[in-house]
């Protein structure tokens, strides 16, 4: 008697969009229009919101791997630090299933996450644009973390995507007693726990 087994392997793929951010005659200026990898045009009204421009292309590129899920993490906005501080990572997602998996992983690790809104209210603020398809900042000053997430959502077609804004948890002063002062690496433990559980569920 012989038995055969079929194993399905899942490999996480990490993408790190990098660029040089230097002043020059070719640097972005307010009002410039650039084209993203998916063909959408972006009006650059705030040159300090530059990280989301390269992150948009990375999200477009991530789709080419036919992934099961897409998760990006970025110290994207000071607004997230103001909203949640160091208590939890802000999570914006288009999938309740993915949110539940991330939340369960965070409960196990103790490195908390908190779901933030991806309302159409915020999308309207970034697509209300005179010169391009989207604006790299919201129409109004308020809700900066939410409008940044709404901007990224314009470059995602995958039904299981999560954006983790880690601006509030990236450093520790003395709020978290089991972490030394300085850079924390959060929420690495939660992401590893998520990957472990996801690989077991998919086996």
C-alpha atoms as a PDB file:
ATOM      1  CA  UNK A   1       0.000   0.000   0.000  1.00  0.00           C
ATOM      2  CA  UNK A   2       1.369   3.378  -0.957  1.00  0.00           C
ATOM      3  CA  UNK A   3       0.242   6.844   0.006  1.00  0.00           C
ATOM      4  CA  UNK A   4       0.910  10.122  -1.693  1.00  0.00           C
ATOM      5  CA  UNK A   5       0.591  13.563  -0.247  1.00  0.00           C
ATOM      6  CA  UNK A   6       0.239  16.884  -1.950  1.00  0.00           C
ATOM      7  CA  UNK A   7       1.581  19.944  -0.193  1.00  0.00           C
ATOM      8  CA  UNK A   8       0.733  23.506  -1.074  1.00  0.00           C
ATOM      9  CA  UNK A   9       3.366  26.052  -0.153  1.00  0.00           C
ATOM     10  CA  UNK A  10       2.779  29.720   0.430  1.00  0.00           C
ATOM     11  CA  UNK A  11       5.708  32.102   0.374  1.00  0.00           C
ATOM     12  CA  UNK A  12       5.387  35.654   1.678  1.00  0.00           C
ATOM     13  CA  UNK A  13       6.809  38.202  -0.737  1.00  0.00           C
ATOM     14  CA  UNK A  14       8.149  41.460   0.631  1.00  0.00           C
ATOM     15  CA  UNK A  15       8.322  44.599  -1.488  1.00  0.00           C
ATOM     16  CA  UNK A  16      10.221  47.715  -0.392  1.00  0.00           C
ATOM     17  CA  UNK A  17       9.642  50.740  -2.639  1.00  0.00           C
ATOM     18  CA  UNK A  18      12.677  52.992  -2.372  1.00  0.00           C
ATOM     19  CA  UNK A  19      13.696  56.260  -3.957  1.00  0.00           C
ATOM     20  CA  UNK A  20      15.961  59.215  -3.328  1.00  0.00           C
ATOM     21  CA  UNK A  21      14.176  62.254  -1.944  1.00  0.00           C
ATOM     22  CA  UNK A  22      16.458  65.127  -2.894  1.00  0.00           C
ATOM     23  CA  UNK A  23      15.833  68.738  -3.920  1.00  0.00           C
ATOM     24  CA  UNK A  24      16.769  69.509  -7.492  1.00  0.00           C
ATOM     25  CA  UNK A  25      15.457  71.100 -10.656  1.00  0.00           C
ATOM     26  CA  UNK A  26      13.595  67.868 -11.384  1.00  0.00           C
ATOM     27  CA  UNK A  27      12.007  67.524  -7.938  1.00  0.00           C
ATOM     28  CA  UNK A  28       8.223  67.416  -7.565  1.00  0.00           C
ATOM     29  CA  UNK A  29       6.483  70.748  -7.210  1.00  0.00           C
ATOM     30  CA  UNK A  30       2.961  71.443  -5.941  1.00  0.00           C
ATOM     31  CA  UNK A  31       0.596  70.981  -8.859  1.00  0.00           C
ATOM     32  CA  UNK A  32       2.729  68.442 -10.711  1.00  0.00           C
ATOM     33  CA  UNK A  33       0.925  65.439 -12.211  1.00  0.00           C
ATOM     34  CA  UNK A  34       2.536  61.995 -12.254  1.00  0.00           C
ATOM     35  CA  UNK A  35       1.274  58.691 -13.636  1.00  0.00           C
ATOM     36  CA  UNK A  36       1.124  55.560 -11.471  1.00  0.00           C
ATOM     37  CA  UNK A  37       1.870  52.017 -12.602  1.00  0.00           C
ATOM     38  CA  UNK A  38      -1.839  51.281 -13.099  1.00  0.00           C
ATOM     39  CA  UNK A  39      -2.241  54.288 -15.405  1.00  0.00           C
ATOM     40  CA  UNK A  40      -4.006  56.576 -12.938  1.00  0.00           C
ATOM     41  CA  UNK A  41      -2.767  60.135 -12.808  1.00  0.00           C
ATOM     42  CA  UNK A  42      -1.931  61.766  -9.483  1.00  0.00           C
ATOM     43  CA  UNK A  43      -1.972  65.473  -8.725  1.00  0.00           C
ATOM     44  CA  UNK A  44       0.791  66.251  -6.222  1.00  0.00           C
ATOM     45  CA  UNK A  45      -0.593  69.008  -4.036  1.00  0.00           C
ATOM     46  CA  UNK A  46       1.614  68.176  -1.046  1.00  0.00           C
ATOM     47  CA  UNK A  47       5.222  67.281  -1.811  1.00  0.00           C
ATOM     48  CA  UNK A  48       5.679  66.112   1.792  1.00  0.00           C
ATOM     49  CA  UNK A  49       3.165  63.318   1.140  1.00  0.00           C
ATOM     50  CA  UNK A  50       5.658  61.612  -1.135  1.00  0.00           C
ATOM     51  CA  UNK A  51       5.826  58.165   0.469  1.00  0.00           C
ATOM     52  CA  UNK A  52       2.333  57.273  -0.658  1.00  0.00           C
ATOM     53  CA  UNK A  53       3.327  57.913  -4.275  1.00  0.00           C
ATOM     54  CA  UNK A  54       5.884  55.100  -4.363  1.00  0.00           C
ATOM     55  CA  UNK A  55       3.677  52.943  -2.144  1.00  0.00           C
ATOM     56  CA  UNK A  56       0.922  53.249  -4.752  1.00  0.00           C
ATOM     57  CA  UNK A  57       3.213  51.743  -7.391  1.00  0.00           C
ATOM     58  CA  UNK A  58       4.294  48.986  -4.997  1.00  0.00           C
ATOM     59  CA  UNK A  59       0.650  48.058  -4.408  1.00  0.00           C
ATOM     60  CA  UNK A  60       0.027  47.913  -8.147  1.00  0.00           C
ATOM     61  CA  UNK A  61       3.097  45.714  -8.594  1.00  0.00           C
ATOM     62  CA  UNK A  62       2.048  43.408  -5.737  1.00  0.00           C
ATOM     63  CA  UNK A  63      -0.978  42.315  -7.766  1.00  0.00           C
ATOM     64  CA  UNK A  64       1.287  40.732 -10.397  1.00  0.00           C
ATOM     65  CA  UNK A  65       2.223  37.928  -7.977  1.00  0.00           C
ATOM     66  CA  UNK A  66      -1.405  36.743  -7.763  1.00  0.00           C
ATOM     67  CA  UNK A  67      -1.296  36.923  -3.948  1.00  0.00           C
ATOM     68  CA  UNK A  68      -3.798  35.491  -1.496  1.00  0.00           C
ATOM     69  CA  UNK A  69      -3.699  38.735   0.498  1.00  0.00           C
ATOM     70  CA  UNK A  70      -1.918  42.079   0.262  1.00  0.00           C
ATOM     71  CA  UNK A  71      -0.750  43.792   3.442  1.00  0.00           C
ATOM     72  CA  UNK A  72       1.274  46.976   3.459  1.00  0.00           C
ATOM     73  CA  UNK A  73       2.804  48.704   6.462  1.00  0.00           C
ATOM     74  CA  UNK A  74       4.032  52.282   6.472  1.00  0.00           C
ATOM     75  CA  UNK A  75       4.728  55.154   8.838  1.00  0.00           C
ATOM     76  CA  UNK A  76       2.407  57.050   6.565  1.00  0.00           C
ATOM     77  CA  UNK A  77       0.803  59.845   8.560  1.00  0.00           C
ATOM     78  CA  UNK A  78       1.355  61.894  11.666  1.00  0.00           C
ATOM     79  CA  UNK A  79      -2.435  61.947  11.885  1.00  0.00           C
ATOM     80  CA  UNK A  80      -2.389  58.277  12.898  1.00  0.00           C
ATOM     81  CA  UNK A  81       0.020  59.039  15.727  1.00  0.00           C
ATOM     82  CA  UNK A  82      -2.366  61.753  16.903  1.00  0.00           C
ATOM     83  CA  UNK A  83      -5.390  59.449  16.618  1.00  0.00           C
ATOM     84  CA  UNK A  84      -4.116  56.293  18.343  1.00  0.00           C
ATOM     85  CA  UNK A  85      -0.705  57.139  19.732  1.00  0.00           C
ATOM     86  CA  UNK A  86       1.320  54.064  20.643  1.00  0.00           C
ATOM     87  CA  UNK A  87      -1.652  52.033  21.883  1.00  0.00           C
ATOM     88  CA  UNK A  88      -2.370  50.192  18.628  1.00  0.00           C
ATOM     89  CA  UNK A  89      -1.586  49.980  14.938  1.00  0.00           C
ATOM     90  CA  UNK A  90      -4.273  51.530  12.753  1.00  0.00           C
ATOM     91  CA  UNK A  91      -5.619  49.061  10.187  1.00  0.00           C
ATOM     92  CA  UNK A  92      -7.558  50.078   7.085  1.00  0.00           C
ATOM     93  CA  UNK A  93      -8.911  47.133   5.119  1.00  0.00           C
ATOM     94  CA  UNK A  94     -11.491  46.257   2.479  1.00  0.00           C
ATOM     95  CA  UNK A  95     -11.963  42.774   3.977  1.00  0.00           C
ATOM     96  CA  UNK A  96     -13.685  41.917   7.249  1.00  0.00           C
ATOM     97  CA  UNK A  97     -12.196  38.417   6.962  1.00  0.00           C
ATOM     98  CA  UNK A  98      -8.671  39.850   6.830  1.00  0.00           C
ATOM     99  CA  UNK A  99      -9.416  42.228   9.684  1.00  0.00           C
ATOM    100  CA  UNK A 100     -10.607  39.351  11.867  1.00  0.00           C
ATOM    101  CA  UNK A 101      -7.448  37.356  11.121  1.00  0.00           C
ATOM    102  CA  UNK A 102      -5.197  40.295  11.964  1.00  0.00           C
ATOM    103  CA  UNK A 103      -7.165  41.023  15.119  1.00  0.00           C
ATOM    104  CA  UNK A 104      -6.958  37.401  16.284  1.00  0.00           C
ATOM    105  CA  UNK A 105      -3.209  37.440  15.701  1.00  0.00           C
ATOM    106  CA  UNK A 106      -2.873  40.657  17.690  1.00  0.00           C
ATOM    107  CA  UNK A 107      -4.784  39.179  20.616  1.00  0.00           C
ATOM    108  CA  UNK A 108      -2.310  36.301  20.691  1.00  0.00           C
ATOM    109  CA  UNK A 109       0.767  38.546  20.581  1.00  0.00           C
ATOM    110  CA  UNK A 110      -0.521  41.434  22.672  1.00  0.00           C
ATOM    111  CA  UNK A 111       0.583  43.865  19.954  1.00  0.00           C
ATOM    112  CA  UNK A 112      -2.775  45.466  19.353  1.00  0.00           C
ATOM    113  CA  UNK A 113      -4.447  46.618  16.157  1.00  0.00           C
ATOM    114  CA  UNK A 114      -7.479  48.859  15.718  1.00  0.00           C
ATOM    115  CA  UNK A 115      -9.725  48.999  12.664  1.00  0.00           C
ATOM    116  CA  UNK A 116     -10.053  52.395  11.024  1.00  0.00           C
ATOM    117  CA  UNK A 117     -12.710  53.520   8.511  1.00  0.00           C
ATOM    118  CA  UNK A 118     -12.409  53.372   4.732  1.00  0.00           C
ATOM    119  CA  UNK A 119     -15.585  55.349   4.127  1.00  0.00           C
ATOM    120  CA  UNK A 120     -16.531  56.685   0.698  1.00  0.00           C
ATOM    121  CA  UNK A 121     -16.540  60.038   2.512  1.00  0.00           C
ATOM    122  CA  UNK A 122     -12.733  59.976   2.424  1.00  0.00           C
ATOM    123  CA  UNK A 123     -12.482  58.634  -1.119  1.00  0.00           C
ATOM    124  CA  UNK A 124     -14.472  61.609  -2.402  1.00  0.00           C
ATOM    125  CA  UNK A 125     -11.877  63.927  -0.910  1.00  0.00           C
ATOM    126  CA  UNK A 126      -8.995  62.413  -2.899  1.00  0.00           C
ATOM    127  CA  UNK A 127     -10.804  61.889  -6.204  1.00  0.00           C
ATOM    128  CA  UNK A 128     -12.217  65.433  -6.228  1.00  0.00           C
ATOM    129  CA  UNK A 129      -9.281  66.603  -8.283  1.00  0.00           C
ATOM    130  CA  UNK A 130      -8.933  69.265 -10.988  1.00  0.00           C
ATOM    131  CA  UNK A 131      -5.885  68.052 -12.897  1.00  0.00           C
ATOM    132  CA  UNK A 132      -5.737  64.271 -12.421  1.00  0.00           C
ATOM    133  CA  UNK A 133      -7.618  61.144 -11.365  1.00  0.00           C
ATOM    134  CA  UNK A 134      -6.618  61.459  -7.705  1.00  0.00           C
ATOM    135  CA  UNK A 135      -4.927  63.936  -5.398  1.00  0.00           C
ATOM    136  CA  UNK A 136      -2.119  62.819  -3.100  1.00  0.00           C
ATOM    137  CA  UNK A 137      -3.778  64.588  -0.158  1.00  0.00           C
ATOM    138  CA  UNK A 138      -7.344  65.021   0.997  1.00  0.00           C
ATOM    139  CA  UNK A 139      -9.406  68.058   0.125  1.00  0.00           C
ATOM    140  CA  UNK A 140      -9.565  69.043   3.798  1.00  0.00           C
ATOM    141  CA  UNK A 141      -6.994  68.945   6.582  1.00  0.00           C
ATOM    142  CA  UNK A 142      -9.017  66.676   8.874  1.00  0.00           C
ATOM    143  CA  UNK A 143      -8.905  62.878   8.780  1.00  0.00           C
ATOM    144  CA  UNK A 144      -5.419  62.753   7.297  1.00  0.00           C
ATOM    145  CA  UNK A 145      -4.810  59.081   8.075  1.00  0.00           C
ATOM    146  CA  UNK A 146      -8.162  58.156   6.539  1.00  0.00           C
ATOM    147  CA  UNK A 147      -7.679  60.156   3.350  1.00  0.00           C
ATOM    148  CA  UNK A 148      -4.183  58.686   2.957  1.00  0.00           C
ATOM    149  CA  UNK A 149      -5.665  55.191   3.167  1.00  0.00           C
ATOM    150  CA  UNK A 150      -8.391  56.188   0.710  1.00  0.00           C
ATOM    151  CA  UNK A 151      -5.662  57.337  -1.679  1.00  0.00           C
ATOM    152  CA  UNK A 152      -3.909  53.952  -1.463  1.00  0.00           C
ATOM    153  CA  UNK A 153      -7.209  52.158  -2.008  1.00  0.00           C
ATOM    154  CA  UNK A 154      -7.360  53.722  -5.485  1.00  0.00           C
ATOM    155  CA  UNK A 155      -4.447  51.462  -6.451  1.00  0.00           C
ATOM    156  CA  UNK A 156      -5.853  48.221  -5.061  1.00  0.00           C
ATOM    157  CA  UNK A 157      -8.206  45.812  -6.824  1.00  0.00           C
ATOM    158  CA  UNK A 158      -7.494  42.810  -4.609  1.00  0.00           C
ATOM    159  CA  UNK A 159     -10.462  41.900  -2.352  1.00  0.00           C
ATOM    160  CA  UNK A 160      -8.205  41.130   0.647  1.00  0.00           C
ATOM    161  CA  UNK A 161      -5.991  44.125   1.286  1.00  0.00           C
ATOM    162  CA  UNK A 162      -4.945  45.826   4.502  1.00  0.00           C
ATOM    163  CA  UNK A 163      -3.008  49.028   5.048  1.00  0.00           C
ATOM    164  CA  UNK A 164      -1.268  49.286   8.421  1.00  0.00           C
ATOM    165  CA  UNK A 165      -0.360  52.829   9.413  1.00  0.00           C
ATOM    166  CA  UNK A 166       2.385  52.302  11.989  1.00  0.00           C
ATOM    167  CA  UNK A 167       3.309  55.944  12.592  1.00  0.00           C
ATOM    168  CA  UNK A 168       2.095  55.810  16.187  1.00  0.00           C
ATOM    169  CA  UNK A 169       3.737  52.528  17.180  1.00  0.00           C
ATOM    170  CA  UNK A 170       7.100  52.813  15.432  1.00  0.00           C
ATOM    171  CA  UNK A 171       8.863  54.261  18.491  1.00  0.00           C
ATOM    172  CA  UNK A 172       8.636  53.787  22.237  1.00  0.00           C
ATOM    173  CA  UNK A 173       9.332  56.514  24.765  1.00  0.00           C
ATOM    174  CA  UNK A 174       8.286  54.792  27.960  1.00  0.00           C
ATOM    175  CA  UNK A 175       4.658  53.849  27.220  1.00  0.00           C
ATOM    176  CA  UNK A 176       5.349  50.145  26.631  1.00  0.00           C
ATOM    177  CA  UNK A 177       7.344  48.765  29.593  1.00  0.00           C
ATOM    178  CA  UNK A 178       8.591  45.580  27.894  1.00  0.00           C
ATOM    179  CA  UNK A 179      10.156  47.484  24.987  1.00  0.00           C
ATOM    180  CA  UNK A 180      13.332  49.501  25.181  1.00  0.00           C
ATOM    181  CA  UNK A 181      13.208  53.142  24.168  1.00  0.00           C
ATOM    182  CA  UNK A 182      13.546  53.882  20.479  1.00  0.00           C
ATOM    183  CA  UNK A 183      12.386  51.965  17.425  1.00  0.00           C
ATOM    184  CA  UNK A 184      10.021  49.115  18.266  1.00  0.00           C
ATOM    185  CA  UNK A 185       9.590  47.034  15.127  1.00  0.00           C
ATOM    186  CA  UNK A 186       5.869  46.906  15.838  1.00  0.00           C
ATOM    187  CA  UNK A 187       3.703  45.182  14.695  1.00  0.00           C
ATOM    188  CA  UNK A 188       6.169  42.518  13.489  1.00  0.00           C
ATOM    189  CA  UNK A 189       5.018  39.953  16.053  1.00  0.00           C
ATOM    190  CA  UNK A 190       1.403  40.323  14.969  1.00  0.00           C
ATOM    191  CA  UNK A 191       2.301  39.978  11.291  1.00  0.00           C
ATOM    192  CA  UNK A 192       4.365  36.836  11.958  1.00  0.00           C
ATOM    193  CA  UNK A 193       1.516  35.344  13.979  1.00  0.00           C
ATOM    194  CA  UNK A 194      -0.888  36.197  11.153  1.00  0.00           C
ATOM    195  CA  UNK A 195       1.361  34.461   8.602  1.00  0.00           C
ATOM    196  CA  UNK A 196       1.669  31.394  10.825  1.00  0.00           C
ATOM    197  CA  UNK A 197      -2.096  31.099  11.232  1.00  0.00           C
ATOM    198  CA  UNK A 198      -2.714  31.838   7.560  1.00  0.00           C
ATOM    199  CA  UNK A 199      -0.296  29.121   6.450  1.00  0.00           C
ATOM    200  CA  UNK A 200      -1.987  26.602   8.738  1.00  0.00           C
ATOM    201  CA  UNK A 201      -5.459  27.553   7.534  1.00  0.00           C
ATOM    202  CA  UNK A 202      -4.333  27.253   3.911  1.00  0.00           C
ATOM    203  CA  UNK A 203      -2.543  23.912   4.309  1.00  0.00           C
END
